[in-house]
Amino acid sequence: MSKFAKGKSWIEHRLADDLVIGGASYQVNLVARKGTGVQGYRVSLDYVRHDGGHSVSTELPNAASTADVHAVQRELTDHPGRLTALFPASASAAPPQ
């Protein structure tokens, strides 16, 4: 790697195109970004509503490397029920916008 090369600082992967939670349809994205004060990547799940309503984010444990981010991606892609379980309970009680 040359001194001018930069590693990836942002990884995003779509985990689900149409996940229905509480009657609302969501697109679910895994987002990992390098941040100040964190070794590796900060990882979150972003639930984006199809109807343009309020989107929701939930934080996951930090990942030490891109390999760890991809392992989380594979784990969640293979188990869509976990995506529903990780949806924040407080968000399902929020009124739709």
Protein backbone atom coordinates (compact mmCIF):
# COMPACT_ATOMS: atom_id res chain seq x y z
CA MET A 1 0.00 0.00 0.00
CA SER A 2 1.49 3.32 -1.00
CA LYS A 3 1.61 6.29 1.31
CA PHE A 4 -1.10 7.96 -0.79
CA ALA A 5 -3.57 5.08 -0.74
CA LYS A 6 -6.55 5.41 1.55
CA GLY A 7 -8.50 2.54 3.01
CA LYS A 8 -12.27 2.43 2.97
CA SER A 9 -13.82 4.55 5.66
CA TRP A 10 -17.45 3.69 4.90
CA ILE A 11 -19.15 0.35 4.15
CA GLU A 12 -22.84 0.06 3.37
CA HIS A 13 -24.80 -3.06 2.45
CA ARG A 14 -28.52 -3.62 1.95
CA LEU A 15 -29.70 -6.52 4.10
CA ALA A 16 -33.43 -6.46 3.26
CA ASP A 17 -35.49 -4.76 0.58
CA ASP A 18 -38.91 -5.19 2.16
CA LEU A 19 -39.04 -6.09 5.85
CA VAL A 20 -42.48 -5.61 7.42
CA ILE A 21 -42.46 -4.56 11.07
CA GLY A 22 -45.60 -3.40 12.85
CA GLY A 23 -47.45 -2.97 9.55
CA ALA A 24 -44.77 -0.72 8.02
CA SER A 25 -42.35 -1.78 5.27
CA TYR A 26 -38.66 -1.03 5.70
CA GLN A 27 -35.47 -1.30 3.69
CA VAL A 28 -32.68 -2.37 6.06
CA ASN A 29 -29.06 -1.27 5.52
CA LEU A 30 -25.94 -2.21 7.44
CA VAL A 31 -23.69 0.85 7.75
CA ALA A 32 -20.12 0.69 9.07
CA ARG A 33 -17.98 3.81 9.29
CA LYS A 34 -14.63 4.62 10.79
CA GLY A 35 -14.88 7.14 13.54
CA THR A 36 -12.69 9.17 15.83
CA GLY A 37 -11.91 7.38 19.07
CA VAL A 38 -12.94 3.96 17.76
CA GLN A 39 -10.64 1.14 16.74
CA GLY A 40 -12.16 -0.25 13.56
CA TYR A 41 -15.72 0.59 12.52
CA ARG A 42 -18.88 1.84 14.19
CA VAL A 43 -21.70 -0.36 12.96
CA SER A 44 -25.42 0.38 12.78
CA LEU A 45 -28.59 -0.87 11.13
CA ASP A 46 -30.67 1.75 9.33
CA TYR A 47 -34.37 0.96 8.86
CA VAL A 48 -35.67 3.21 6.06
CA ARG A 49 -39.46 3.32 5.68
CA HIS A 50 -40.85 2.78 2.19
CA ASP A 51 -43.64 5.32 2.72
CA GLY A 52 -41.18 8.10 3.54
CA GLY A 53 -42.00 8.05 7.24
CA HIS A 54 -39.56 8.24 10.13
CA SER A 55 -36.40 6.15 9.60
CA VAL A 56 -34.86 4.35 12.56
CA SER A 57 -31.26 3.46 13.40
CA THR A 58 -29.91 1.00 15.93
CA GLU A 59 -26.27 0.68 16.98
CA LEU A 60 -24.47 -2.66 16.90
CA PRO A 61 -21.16 -3.53 18.59
CA ASN A 62 -18.07 -2.06 16.91
CA ALA A 63 -16.23 -4.17 14.32
CA ALA A 64 -12.43 -4.36 14.43
CA SER A 65 -11.91 -4.86 10.68
CA THR A 66 -13.65 -5.02 7.33
CA ALA A 67 -13.66 -8.82 7.69
CA ASP A 68 -15.66 -8.44 10.91
CA VAL A 69 -18.10 -6.08 9.16
CA HIS A 70 -18.61 -8.63 6.38
CA ALA A 71 -19.11 -11.41 8.95
CA VAL A 72 -21.90 -9.39 10.60
CA GLN A 73 -23.37 -8.73 7.15
CA ARG A 74 -23.44 -12.48 6.33
CA GLU A 75 -24.88 -13.35 9.74
CA LEU A 76 -27.75 -10.89 9.43
CA THR A 77 -28.45 -11.67 5.77
CA ASP A 78 -28.82 -15.36 6.63
CA HIS A 79 -31.19 -14.68 9.56
CA PRO A 80 -33.83 -12.07 8.62
CA GLY A 81 -35.69 -12.74 11.88
CA ARG A 82 -32.79 -11.11 13.73
CA LEU A 83 -33.37 -7.88 11.78
CA THR A 84 -36.88 -7.75 13.19
CA ALA A 85 -35.60 -8.57 16.69
CA LEU A 86 -32.98 -5.79 16.49
CA PHE A 87 -35.60 -3.16 15.56
CA PRO A 88 -35.78 -0.70 18.49
CA ALA A 89 -38.91 -1.24 20.61
CA SER A 90 -39.23 2.50 21.21
CA ALA A 91 -39.47 3.10 17.44
CA SER A 92 -42.40 0.72 16.98
CA ALA A 93 -44.34 2.77 19.55
CA ALA A 94 -43.61 6.04 17.73
CA PRO A 95 -46.49 7.44 15.66
CA PRO A 96 -46.04 7.10 11.86
CA GLN A 97 -45.18 10.25 9.96
